[in-house]
Structure formats: C-alpha cells, structure tokens
C-alpha cells in the first residue's frame, strides 16, 4: 500500500537527512567562522586599546620631561620670559594624563593613572608655588629647593609611567598571543568542519548511490522480465520507500496484465468453442436424435430388451450425455440473454435442492442456511443452473456434508457452497474455470465455466478457495436489486 506523498519516508527521508546533515556541518563551519571573526575583532580591539594606552603612557612621560625642561629654562633665564612655553607644556601633560586615565585597563590601572595625574599636578603646583616666587625674589636657595622637589616628582611620574607602560606592553603581548592562538584554533576548526562535511557528503553519497542503484537494477530487471512476457514476475524490494511503492505498482501492473491476458485467452477460447459448438449442434444433434429414436424402437422389442437391455440403456445414457455436452457448449459459446427480475436467492437455492432430490441425487447431507438476503436482479433459470452446478460439483467431490449459506448486506448478496470433499491443488484451482478442464472421470469441464459466464453477466463475481483433503468453498457475489424492484416484488 502506497503511503501518502505528504510525508517523507524511505529514500526521500534518507536523502533529506543526508542533505540536512551536510548542510548542518557547513552551517557549523559558517557559525565557527562568524563567531571567530567576532572574537578576533574583540581581541584586535583589545590589542589596539592596549597599544593606544601604551602610547598614552609614553606621551605622559615625554610631556612631563618637556614640562621639566621648560621649568629648567625659567630657572636658567631667571625671569618669567619662558612661562608661556611652560604653560603649553603643562597643558599637554595634563591632556596626556587625562587620555591615559581614559584608556586605563581595569580599576587597578585607573588608580595608577589617578596617582600619576596627582603627581603631575604636584609638579606644577611646586613649580608655581616655590620656584617662580623664588625667581621673582631672587632667592636662589628657595629656587634650588623647589627645583629639587619638582625634579623628584618628575622622576616619580616618569618612573610610574614607564612601569605602567611595561605592564601594558606585557598585556599587549598576551593579547596578541591570545589573538594568534584564537586565529589558529579557528582556522583548524573551520578546516575540520569543511573536511568533515565533505567526508560525510562523500560517504552518504556513496551509500545512497549504491543503495539506489541496487534497487533500480532490481526494478529494471523485473520490468525487463515483464516486458518479455513473463507476467508471473514479481519484484520484491525490502523496506518502505518510494522504490518499494514502485515495485508494488509494477507487481499490480503485472497482475492486471495477467488478468487481462487471461480474459483475452478466455475470450479467444470461447470464440473457438462457439465456432465448434455451431458445427457440433448442426452435425451431431441430428444423428443423436436418430440414434435415440432407434433406441426407443429397439427397447420396445421385448426379446431384444431381454437379451441386451443393459447395453441399450448404456447406449441411450451415452447419447443423452452427448446431447448434454452439445447443449453446454452452446450455452458457453453464446452470450447469456435474459430478463432481469427481482428474486430471492435463498428460495432459489431451496428449489434447486428439491429438484436434485427429485432427480435421484442424495441431498440429505446438504444444509442450507440464510442470514438476511435481499433480493437480487437476475434470471431464475440461469441462476438456478449456477446453483445446480455448484451443488452437483460438491456432491460429486465425495463430500459427506455440503453447507450452503446465503447472506447479504446493502449492496451484495453472497452465496457460499462449502463441501468436505477431496479438494483441489493449486494447479487445478488455477484452471478450475477453464472450459473442458475437469478432475472428474465423467465431467465435461464446462459447468464452472458456464457458471462463471452467467455470474459475470449478472454483474457479480465467483471465486474458489480449495486445498487438497480440505474441501472446497465456492463464493458467489451478486448485486442486490434496487429498493423499487424489491417493493414491486
């Protein structure tokens, strides 16, 4: 049974899983690349920040030295003529100190930059509060002491700035190393994901191609065998995928072709039988009538009857058998023509059983049951012939008990005839409806063929279920009559 196409399964599911697995690996590689780029950007920004902070530290040291030089020029000139240059240098030092504080890395660095800023402010304050007044007062001792104080402060600022620069340099080197290591790991992870994706794609592709190719080869071989005319070929594919559905479709196609072929062969056989029957009816019926007429005359002779009575009866029986064969041939060859009328199949079965009893057949073993049988549309004479054929076959199969069951539903009436006879093997069951096929010593092989033709003409179906030493069951299904016909009946 084919699955709904709205769901993915089988080959489609495997192909989809393989595709999404490869897609996931490539997606992982892309994610690693993007996330690595983000981390690398952050690492590069950290390195750049550390470099800027380091340059700011060098700028503070250079600015405080330049400021000290301008202080020295003021002392050397011993007047205020150089104070304008000093103010510019002091302003540059304060700006460099503020920039260093803004670029500080963490709380500890910020505290150290604040300490440097405080020392820079003390240098300026000591120069303005002690050195310049000493120069104005021409107090060389005060200028010397003030100069020494500012020199010590400048040396402290330079030392602290250089110490901070060394630490920033170390942080910068560590950041560069982390950046390099991160870049290396990302490169190998990126390469690994792509190699893994390519490898998985290759393996999955090989497995899928191998699996699909094998199933296609089996489908192709089966289709070739069917195309050559072997309609018994069946393609067996394990699994539950589209190829299995295709194999089922091939098998159904082969079965349908076999059925159509059998129907065509049967039609051809019936056409041949029709031609034979027409000739037989013309050529044999008249001689048989003459033979039967002379037999009646001979049996009226008491002396002849006394001497050869049994032989005359045998000849007469065989002549009647020949007439029956001719009649059955004609019935099989010409299409059934009848008026369809509503009738009760259960009542028809009981009438058939009664007629068999009247003809001398042993009917005590026949059990007829009915569980709700609507009327059917059909010809009572022809349907009675069907029932009679089935009952005769059941009785002649050596059955001790024959069960006849009639049941119906809203659309179909079913007649089942089951016996406990010898049954049939597979080959006999396959050819049971073929004209002239029989397993009985005196059978003509036309009863089931005629019954099948009548049932099909009534729009019904007939089937046989049988096994050796397990009896035979024949099932006939006929369409029910319309409600208007039932009401009229």
Protein backbone atom coordinates (compact mmCIF):
# COMPACT_ATOMS: atom_id res chain seq x y z
CA UNK A 1 0.00 0.00 0.00
CA UNK A 2 1.44 3.34 -1.03
CA UNK A 3 1.98 5.95 1.64
CA UNK A 4 0.65 9.45 1.46
CA UNK A 5 3.04 11.64 -0.51
CA UNK A 6 2.67 14.44 2.04
CA UNK A 7 5.04 12.60 4.40
CA UNK A 8 8.71 11.99 4.00
CA UNK A 9 9.95 8.45 4.41
CA UNK A 10 12.19 5.88 2.88
CA UNK A 11 14.53 7.21 0.22
CA UNK A 12 13.18 10.76 0.48
CA UNK A 13 13.76 10.74 4.24
CA UNK A 14 17.31 9.38 3.84
CA UNK A 15 18.16 11.91 1.14
CA UNK A 16 16.70 14.72 3.24
CA UNK A 17 18.60 13.53 6.32
CA UNK A 18 21.86 13.36 4.36
CA UNK A 19 21.29 16.79 2.84
CA UNK A 20 20.47 18.39 6.20
CA UNK A 21 23.44 16.64 7.87
CA UNK A 22 25.84 18.11 5.29
CA UNK A 23 24.04 21.43 5.47
CA UNK A 24 24.36 21.38 9.27
CA UNK A 25 28.12 20.77 9.03
CA UNK A 26 28.56 23.63 6.59
CA UNK A 27 26.36 25.75 8.84
CA UNK A 28 28.57 24.84 11.81
CA UNK A 29 31.64 25.86 9.80
CA UNK A 30 29.99 29.17 8.95
CA UNK A 31 28.99 29.72 12.58
CA UNK A 32 32.55 29.00 13.73
CA UNK A 33 33.87 31.42 11.14
CA UNK A 34 31.46 34.19 12.12
CA UNK A 35 31.90 33.71 15.86
CA UNK A 36 35.68 33.57 15.38
CA UNK A 37 35.56 36.80 13.42
CA UNK A 38 33.65 38.40 16.29
CA UNK A 39 36.15 37.15 18.86
CA UNK A 40 39.07 38.15 16.66
CA UNK A 41 37.55 41.59 16.30
CA UNK A 42 37.25 41.88 20.06
CA UNK A 43 40.84 40.63 20.51
CA UNK A 44 42.14 43.07 17.91
CA UNK A 45 40.24 45.88 19.60
CA UNK A 46 41.80 44.87 22.92
CA UNK A 47 45.28 44.87 21.39
CA UNK A 48 44.64 48.23 19.76
CA UNK A 49 43.38 49.63 23.07
CA UNK A 50 46.45 48.35 24.87
CA UNK A 51 48.70 49.86 22.20
CA UNK A 52 46.90 53.19 22.50
CA UNK A 53 47.20 53.09 26.29
CA UNK A 54 50.88 52.27 25.99
CA UNK A 55 51.40 55.20 23.63
CA UNK A 56 49.48 57.41 26.04
CA UNK A 57 51.83 56.32 28.84
CA UNK A 58 54.84 57.21 26.71
CA UNK A 59 53.19 60.51 25.87
CA UNK A 60 52.79 61.33 29.60
CA UNK A 61 56.46 60.56 30.27
CA UNK A 62 57.55 62.66 27.29
CA UNK A 63 55.22 65.52 28.23
CA UNK A 64 56.37 65.65 31.86
CA UNK A 65 60.01 65.72 30.66
CA UNK A 66 59.24 68.57 28.30
CA UNK A 67 57.45 70.37 31.11
CA UNK A 68 60.55 69.89 33.30
CA UNK A 69 62.76 71.30 30.51
CA UNK A 70 60.67 74.47 30.39
CA UNK A 71 60.97 74.70 34.19
CA UNK A 72 64.73 74.49 33.81
CA UNK A 73 64.71 77.22 31.13
CA UNK A 74 62.83 79.50 33.54
CA UNK A 75 65.48 78.92 36.20
CA UNK A 76 68.31 79.37 33.74
CA UNK A 77 66.85 82.62 32.36
CA UNK A 78 65.93 83.69 35.88
CA UNK A 79 62.80 85.51 34.71
CA UNK A 80 59.25 84.85 33.56
CA UNK A 81 60.00 85.03 29.85
CA UNK A 82 59.62 81.27 29.30
CA UNK A 83 56.44 80.77 31.33
CA UNK A 84 54.21 80.83 28.21
CA UNK A 85 56.04 77.81 26.78
CA UNK A 86 55.84 76.20 30.21
CA UNK A 87 52.06 76.63 30.35
CA UNK A 88 51.68 75.00 26.93
CA UNK A 89 53.83 72.05 28.08
CA UNK A 90 51.91 71.74 31.35
CA UNK A 91 48.63 71.77 29.43
CA UNK A 92 49.91 69.00 27.13
CA UNK A 93 50.98 66.97 30.17
CA UNK A 94 47.54 67.29 31.77
CA UNK A 95 45.86 66.31 28.47
CA UNK A 96 48.13 63.26 28.08
CA UNK A 97 47.39 62.29 31.69
CA UNK A 98 43.61 62.52 31.13
CA UNK A 99 43.92 60.43 27.93
CA UNK A 100 45.94 57.83 29.83
CA UNK A 101 43.24 57.67 32.50
CA UNK A 102 40.52 57.18 29.87
CA UNK A 103 42.49 54.29 28.33
CA UNK A 104 43.12 52.59 31.67
CA UNK A 105 42.51 48.80 31.65
CA UNK A 106 40.64 47.94 34.80
CA UNK A 107 40.31 49.51 38.23
CA UNK A 108 43.96 48.97 39.23
CA UNK A 109 45.16 50.85 36.15
CA UNK A 110 42.71 53.67 36.78
CA UNK A 111 44.05 54.09 40.32
CA UNK A 112 47.61 54.26 38.99
CA UNK A 113 46.68 56.84 36.34
CA UNK A 114 44.98 58.91 39.03
CA UNK A 115 48.19 58.71 41.07
CA UNK A 116 50.20 59.91 38.03
CA UNK A 117 47.71 62.75 37.47
CA UNK A 118 48.09 63.75 41.15
CA UNK A 119 51.88 63.78 40.84
CA UNK A 120 51.69 65.84 37.63
CA UNK A 121 49.50 68.34 39.46
CA UNK A 122 52.02 68.44 42.36
CA UNK A 123 54.86 69.13 39.91
CA UNK A 124 53.01 72.11 38.51
CA UNK A 125 51.99 73.30 41.96
CA UNK A 126 55.53 73.02 43.37
CA UNK A 127 56.98 74.92 40.38
CA UNK A 128 54.43 77.69 40.58
CA UNK A 129 54.39 77.90 44.38
CA UNK A 130 58.13 77.65 45.11
CA UNK A 131 60.32 78.10 42.05
CA UNK A 132 58.64 81.09 40.35
CA UNK A 133 58.31 83.10 43.61
CA UNK A 134 61.99 82.32 44.34
CA UNK A 135 62.97 83.61 40.91
CA UNK A 136 60.90 86.75 41.45
CA UNK A 137 62.51 87.27 44.88
CA UNK A 138 65.94 86.37 43.60
CA UNK A 139 66.05 83.71 46.36
CA UNK A 140 68.39 81.14 44.93
CA UNK A 141 68.11 78.78 47.91
CA UNK A 142 64.31 78.66 47.61
CA UNK A 143 64.62 78.07 43.87
CA UNK A 144 67.12 75.25 44.47
CA UNK A 145 64.87 73.52 46.99
CA UNK A 146 61.81 73.96 44.77
CA UNK A 147 63.70 72.67 41.76
CA UNK A 148 64.85 69.58 43.63
CA UNK A 149 61.28 68.88 44.76
CA UNK A 150 59.90 69.20 41.24
CA UNK A 151 62.75 67.07 39.89
CA UNK A 152 61.91 64.30 42.34
CA UNK A 153 58.24 64.49 41.41
CA UNK A 154 59.06 64.44 37.69
CA UNK A 155 61.25 61.39 38.21
CA UNK A 156 58.43 59.66 40.10
CA UNK A 157 55.96 60.48 37.31
CA UNK A 158 58.35 59.16 34.67
CA UNK A 159 59.04 56.01 36.70
CA UNK A 160 55.36 55.31 37.30
CA UNK A 161 54.54 55.97 33.63
CA UNK A 162 57.28 53.64 32.45
CA UNK A 163 56.17 50.96 34.92
CA UNK A 164 52.62 51.28 33.66
CA UNK A 165 53.92 51.10 30.08
CA UNK A 166 55.83 47.90 30.79
CA UNK A 167 52.71 46.33 32.25
CA UNK A 168 50.66 47.49 29.26
CA UNK A 169 53.31 46.05 26.97
CA UNK A 170 53.02 42.71 28.74
CA UNK A 171 49.24 42.79 28.45
CA UNK A 172 49.55 43.68 24.78
CA UNK A 173 51.87 40.74 24.11
CA UNK A 174 49.50 38.39 25.94
CA UNK A 175 46.56 39.76 23.94
CA UNK A 176 48.49 39.24 20.70
CA UNK A 177 49.27 35.68 21.72
CA UNK A 178 45.63 35.02 22.52
CA UNK A 179 44.66 36.52 19.18
CA UNK A 180 47.18 34.33 17.35
CA UNK A 181 46.08 31.19 19.22
CA UNK A 182 42.42 32.00 18.61
CA UNK A 183 43.07 32.54 14.92
CA UNK A 184 44.93 29.22 14.71
CA UNK A 185 42.18 27.29 16.51
CA UNK A 186 39.51 28.88 14.36
CA UNK A 187 41.42 28.02 11.21
CA UNK A 188 41.71 24.35 12.16
CA UNK A 189 38.09 24.17 13.36
CA UNK A 190 36.94 25.77 10.12
CA UNK A 191 39.04 23.37 8.04
CA UNK A 192 37.87 20.42 10.16
CA UNK A 193 34.19 21.26 9.66
CA UNK A 194 34.60 21.56 5.94
CA UNK A 195 36.65 18.35 5.70
CA UNK A 196 34.08 16.53 7.85
CA UNK A 197 31.21 17.93 5.76
CA UNK A 198 32.92 16.84 2.53
CA UNK A 199 33.69 13.42 4.02
CA UNK A 200 30.14 12.92 5.29
CA UNK A 201 28.76 14.07 1.95
CA UNK A 202 31.03 11.61 0.14
CA UNK A 203 30.15 8.67 2.38
CA UNK A 204 26.43 9.41 2.33
CA UNK A 205 26.54 9.93 -1.42
CA UNK A 206 28.32 6.61 -1.93
CA UNK A 207 25.90 4.74 0.33
CA UNK A 208 22.84 6.36 -1.22
CA UNK A 209 24.04 5.82 -4.78
CA UNK A 210 24.87 2.20 -4.03
CA UNK A 211 21.50 1.60 -2.38
CA UNK A 212 19.52 3.38 -5.09
CA UNK A 213 21.48 1.75 -7.91
CA UNK A 214 20.86 -1.73 -6.50
CA UNK A 215 17.15 -1.13 -6.16
CA UNK A 216 16.96 0.44 -9.61
CA UNK A 217 18.75 -2.56 -11.10
CA UNK A 218 16.24 -4.91 -9.48
CA UNK A 219 13.37 -2.76 -10.73
CA UNK A 220 14.91 -2.70 -14.20
CA UNK A 221 15.40 -6.47 -14.23
CA UNK A 222 11.81 -7.04 -13.14
CA UNK A 223 10.46 -4.59 -15.70
CA UNK A 224 12.52 -6.27 -18.43
CA UNK A 225 11.18 -9.68 -17.45
CA UNK A 226 7.61 -8.35 -17.52
CA UNK A 227 8.25 -6.69 -20.88
CA UNK A 228 9.42 -10.06 -22.25
CA UNK A 229 6.03 -11.53 -21.39
CA UNK A 230 6.71 -13.24 -18.06
CA UNK A 231 3.71 -11.80 -16.23
CA UNK A 232 4.31 -14.06 -13.25
CA UNK A 233 7.38 -11.94 -12.38
CA UNK A 234 7.13 -10.15 -9.06
CA UNK A 235 9.62 -7.55 -7.86
CA UNK A 236 10.46 -7.95 -4.18
CA UNK A 237 12.07 -4.93 -2.52
CA UNK A 238 12.61 -4.79 1.21
CA UNK A 239 11.87 -1.58 3.04
CA UNK A 240 9.18 1.04 2.94
CA UNK A 241 10.15 3.73 0.46
CA UNK A 242 9.30 5.07 -2.98
CA UNK A 243 11.11 2.21 -4.71
CA UNK A 244 9.02 -0.28 -2.76
CA UNK A 245 5.91 1.62 -3.88
CA UNK A 246 7.17 1.48 -7.46
CA UNK A 247 7.78 -2.26 -7.11
CA UNK A 248 4.24 -2.70 -5.79
CA UNK A 249 2.96 -0.71 -8.76
CA UNK A 250 4.92 -2.96 -11.13
CA UNK A 251 3.54 -6.05 -9.40
CA UNK A 252 -0.01 -4.71 -9.62
CA UNK A 253 0.55 -3.86 -13.27
CA UNK A 254 1.82 -7.39 -13.94
CA UNK A 255 -1.17 -8.89 -12.11
CA UNK A 256 -3.58 -6.69 -14.07
CA UNK A 257 -1.87 -7.58 -17.34
CA UNK A 258 -2.05 -11.25 -16.38
CA UNK A 259 -5.74 -10.86 -15.62
CA UNK A 260 -6.38 -9.08 -18.91
CA UNK A 261 -4.33 -11.67 -20.74
CA UNK A 262 -6.30 -14.49 -19.12
CA UNK A 263 -9.52 -12.73 -20.03
CA UNK A 264 -8.32 -12.35 -23.63
CA UNK A 265 -7.31 -16.02 -23.78
CA UNK A 266 -10.65 -16.99 -22.30
CA UNK A 267 -12.48 -14.85 -24.86
CA UNK A 268 -10.47 -16.47 -27.61
CA UNK A 269 -11.26 -19.92 -26.24
CA UNK A 270 -14.95 -19.06 -26.02
CA UNK A 271 -14.91 -17.81 -29.60
CA UNK A 272 -13.31 -21.06 -30.69
CA UNK A 273 -15.84 -23.01 -28.64
CA UNK A 274 -18.64 -21.03 -30.29
CA UNK A 275 -17.44 -21.99 -33.75
CA UNK A 276 -17.10 -25.63 -32.71
CA UNK A 277 -20.46 -25.60 -30.95
CA UNK A 278 -22.25 -24.29 -34.02
CA UNK A 279 -20.81 -27.08 -36.14
CA UNK A 280 -21.41 -29.70 -33.44
CA UNK A 281 -25.01 -28.66 -32.98
CA UNK A 282 -25.64 -28.99 -36.68
CA UNK A 283 -23.61 -32.13 -37.33
CA UNK A 284 -24.20 -34.16 -34.14
CA UNK A 285 -27.63 -33.27 -32.80
CA UNK A 286 -29.47 -34.73 -35.80
CA UNK A 287 -27.58 -38.08 -35.73
CA UNK A 288 -28.04 -38.24 -31.96
CA UNK A 289 -31.78 -37.73 -32.39
CA UNK A 290 -31.90 -40.57 -34.91
CA UNK A 291 -29.88 -42.84 -32.58
CA UNK A 292 -32.18 -42.11 -29.64
CA UNK A 293 -35.23 -42.74 -31.83
CA UNK A 294 -33.97 -46.15 -32.93
CA UNK A 295 -33.05 -46.99 -29.33
CA UNK A 296 -36.63 -46.37 -28.24
CA UNK A 297 -37.86 -48.67 -31.00
CA UNK A 298 -35.35 -51.37 -30.04
CA UNK A 299 -36.32 -51.20 -26.37
CA UNK A 300 -39.95 -51.81 -27.30
CA UNK A 301 -38.92 -55.19 -28.60
CA UNK A 302 -39.30 -57.46 -25.57
CA UNK A 303 -36.96 -60.13 -26.88
CA UNK A 304 -34.24 -57.62 -27.73
CA UNK A 305 -34.67 -55.86 -24.38
CA UNK A 306 -34.37 -59.18 -22.58
CA UNK A 307 -31.17 -60.08 -24.45
CA UNK A 308 -29.42 -56.64 -24.48
CA UNK A 309 -31.43 -54.37 -22.18
CA UNK A 310 -28.44 -53.17 -20.16
CA UNK A 311 -26.41 -52.46 -23.27
CA UNK A 312 -29.27 -50.47 -24.82
CA UNK A 313 -29.63 -48.42 -21.64
CA UNK A 314 -25.90 -47.64 -21.63
CA UNK A 315 -26.04 -46.56 -25.25
CA UNK A 316 -29.04 -44.33 -24.50
CA UNK A 317 -27.31 -42.77 -21.47
CA UNK A 318 -24.21 -42.01 -23.51
CA UNK A 319 -26.31 -40.47 -26.27
CA UNK A 320 -28.04 -38.24 -23.73
CA UNK A 321 -24.60 -37.34 -22.35
CA UNK A 322 -23.56 -36.27 -25.84
CA UNK A 323 -26.67 -34.12 -26.15
CA UNK A 324 -25.91 -32.51 -22.78
CA UNK A 325 -22.37 -31.71 -23.88
CA UNK A 326 -23.63 -30.09 -27.06
CA UNK A 327 -26.16 -28.07 -25.07
CA UNK A 328 -23.50 -26.91 -22.61
CA UNK A 329 -21.19 -25.96 -25.46
CA UNK A 330 -23.92 -23.80 -26.93
CA UNK A 331 -24.67 -22.24 -23.54
CA UNK A 332 -20.97 -21.41 -23.05
CA UNK A 333 -20.43 -20.04 -26.55
CA UNK A 334 -23.38 -17.68 -26.86
CA UNK A 335 -23.69 -14.70 -24.51
CA UNK A 336 -26.39 -15.12 -21.86
CA UNK A 337 -29.61 -13.33 -22.73
CA UNK A 338 -32.22 -12.92 -20.05
CA UNK A 339 -34.70 -10.63 -18.41
CA UNK A 340 -33.51 -9.45 -15.01
CA UNK A 341 -36.22 -9.75 -12.41
CA UNK A 342 -36.03 -9.49 -8.63
CA UNK A 343 -35.76 -12.89 -6.98
CA UNK A 344 -34.94 -14.40 -3.61
CA UNK A 345 -31.66 -16.30 -3.86
CA UNK A 346 -32.39 -18.33 -0.72
CA UNK A 347 -35.70 -19.60 -2.14
CA UNK A 348 -33.95 -20.38 -5.42
CA UNK A 349 -31.36 -22.48 -3.56
CA UNK A 350 -34.06 -24.45 -1.76
CA UNK A 351 -35.83 -25.12 -5.08
CA UNK A 352 -32.56 -26.34 -6.60
CA UNK A 353 -32.00 -28.73 -3.69
CA UNK A 354 -35.55 -30.06 -4.06
CA UNK A 355 -35.06 -30.63 -7.80
CA UNK A 356 -31.82 -32.51 -7.13
CA UNK A 357 -33.70 -34.77 -4.75
CA UNK A 358 -36.39 -35.37 -7.35
CA UNK A 359 -33.69 -36.35 -9.88
CA UNK A 360 -32.43 -39.08 -7.56
CA UNK A 361 -29.41 -37.30 -6.07
CA UNK A 362 -28.68 -37.83 -2.39
CA UNK A 363 -29.42 -34.43 -0.80
CA UNK A 364 -29.66 -35.38 2.88
CA UNK A 365 -26.14 -34.04 3.51
CA UNK A 366 -26.96 -30.58 2.13
CA UNK A 367 -27.52 -27.94 4.82
CA UNK A 368 -28.98 -24.63 3.66
CA UNK A 369 -28.77 -21.54 5.90
CA UNK A 370 -29.73 -17.92 5.37
CA UNK A 371 -28.83 -14.80 7.37
CA UNK A 372 -30.61 -11.90 5.73
CA UNK A 373 -30.63 -11.99 1.94
CA UNK A 374 -32.04 -9.02 -0.01
CA UNK A 375 -33.45 -9.64 -3.45
CA UNK A 376 -31.12 -9.85 -6.43
CA UNK A 377 -31.78 -8.97 -10.05
CA UNK A 378 -31.35 -11.90 -12.35
CA UNK A 379 -32.74 -14.73 -14.44
CA UNK A 380 -34.06 -17.53 -12.19
CA UNK A 381 -33.41 -20.24 -14.79
CA UNK A 382 -29.78 -19.32 -15.31
CA UNK A 383 -29.06 -18.65 -11.62
CA UNK A 384 -30.72 -21.98 -10.80
CA UNK A 385 -28.29 -23.58 -13.25
CA UNK A 386 -25.39 -21.96 -11.39
CA UNK A 387 -26.63 -23.30 -8.04
CA UNK A 388 -27.22 -26.74 -9.55
CA UNK A 389 -23.69 -26.85 -10.99
CA UNK A 390 -22.16 -25.89 -7.64
CA UNK A 391 -24.26 -28.44 -5.73
CA UNK A 392 -23.51 -31.20 -8.24
CA UNK A 393 -19.78 -30.48 -8.03
CA UNK A 394 -19.92 -30.55 -4.23
CA UNK A 395 -21.82 -33.85 -4.18
CA UNK A 396 -19.57 -35.45 -6.81
CA UNK A 397 -16.43 -34.45 -4.87
CA UNK A 398 -17.09 -37.25 -2.36
CA UNK A 399 -18.35 -34.87 0.28
CA UNK A 400 -20.35 -36.20 3.23
CA UNK A 401 -21.67 -32.76 4.08
CA UNK A 402 -22.42 -29.73 1.91
CA UNK A 403 -23.06 -26.38 3.58
CA UNK A 404 -24.90 -23.68 1.65
CA UNK A 405 -25.09 -20.25 3.20
CA UNK A 406 -26.85 -17.17 1.82
CA UNK A 407 -26.16 -13.77 3.35
CA UNK A 408 -26.42 -10.18 2.22
CA UNK A 409 -25.78 -6.56 3.01
CA UNK A 410 -26.89 -3.26 1.49
CA UNK A 411 -25.03 -3.84 -1.80
CA UNK A 412 -24.24 -7.53 -2.20
CA UNK A 413 -25.82 -10.95 -1.72
CA UNK A 414 -23.32 -13.74 -1.13
CA UNK A 415 -23.87 -17.45 -1.81
CA UNK A 416 -21.31 -19.87 -0.35
CA UNK A 417 -21.22 -23.58 -1.14
CA UNK A 418 -18.76 -25.50 1.02
CA UNK A 419 -18.03 -29.22 0.83
CA UNK A 420 -15.78 -31.62 2.72
CA UNK A 421 -14.53 -33.48 -0.34
CA UNK A 422 -11.06 -34.13 -1.69
CA UNK A 423 -10.42 -30.53 -2.64
CA UNK A 424 -8.08 -29.22 -5.35
CA UNK A 425 -4.39 -28.42 -5.53
CA UNK A 426 -3.02 -25.09 -6.73
CA UNK A 427 -2.81 -26.03 -10.42
CA UNK A 428 -6.37 -27.37 -10.50
CA UNK A 429 -7.66 -24.31 -8.64
CA UNK A 430 -5.95 -22.02 -11.17
CA UNK A 431 -7.62 -23.71 -14.15
CA UNK A 432 -10.96 -24.51 -12.49
CA UNK A 433 -12.89 -22.03 -14.67
CA UNK A 434 -11.19 -23.03 -17.93
CA UNK A 435 -13.50 -24.74 -20.46
CA UNK A 436 -13.01 -28.54 -20.69
CA UNK A 437 -10.87 -28.66 -17.52
CA UNK A 438 -12.19 -31.23 -15.06
CA UNK A 439 -10.92 -33.50 -12.30
CA UNK A 440 -13.96 -35.84 -12.53
CA UNK A 441 -13.80 -39.02 -14.64
CA UNK A 442 -17.09 -38.26 -16.45
CA UNK A 443 -17.04 -34.48 -16.25
CA UNK A 444 -17.12 -32.22 -19.29
CA UNK A 445 -15.26 -29.33 -17.66
CA UNK A 446 -17.97 -26.87 -18.70
CA UNK A 447 -20.08 -26.45 -15.55
CA UNK A 448 -17.87 -23.92 -13.74
CA UNK A 449 -17.06 -22.08 -16.98
CA UNK A 450 -20.79 -21.69 -17.71
CA UNK A 451 -21.48 -20.65 -14.11
CA UNK A 452 -18.75 -18.01 -14.27
CA UNK A 453 -20.16 -16.62 -17.53
CA UNK A 454 -23.66 -16.40 -16.01
CA UNK A 455 -22.43 -14.76 -12.79
CA UNK A 456 -20.36 -12.20 -14.72
CA UNK A 457 -23.33 -11.46 -16.97
CA UNK A 458 -25.31 -10.66 -13.81
CA UNK A 459 -22.61 -8.19 -12.70
CA UNK A 460 -21.32 -10.49 -9.98
CA UNK A 461 -18.15 -12.40 -9.12
CA UNK A 462 -17.29 -16.02 -8.39
CA UNK A 463 -14.21 -17.37 -6.60
CA UNK A 464 -12.90 -20.73 -5.41
CA UNK A 465 -10.97 -21.47 -2.23
CA UNK A 466 -9.78 -25.07 -2.02
CA UNK A 467 -6.98 -27.26 -0.75
CA UNK A 468 -6.24 -30.97 -1.06
CA UNK A 469 -8.02 -33.08 1.56
CA UNK A 470 -9.57 -29.90 2.98
CA UNK A 471 -12.66 -29.47 0.85
CA UNK A 472 -13.71 -26.66 -1.46
CA UNK A 473 -15.58 -23.43 -0.91
CA UNK A 474 -17.14 -21.54 -3.82
CA UNK A 475 -18.26 -17.97 -3.20
CA UNK A 476 -20.68 -16.15 -5.50
CA UNK A 477 -21.46 -12.46 -5.03
CA UNK A 478 -24.38 -10.77 -6.81
CA UNK A 479 -25.54 -7.15 -6.62
CA UNK A 480 -28.80 -6.54 -4.78
CA UNK A 481 -31.90 -5.32 -6.57
CA UNK A 482 -32.96 -1.71 -6.23
CA UNK A 483 -35.48 -0.82 -3.49
CA UNK A 484 -38.15 -0.05 -6.04
CA UNK A 485 -37.78 -3.52 -7.52
CA UNK A 486 -37.89 -5.10 -4.04
CA UNK A 487 -41.08 -3.19 -3.24
CA UNK A 488 -42.64 -4.32 -6.51
CA UNK A 489 -41.71 -7.92 -5.80
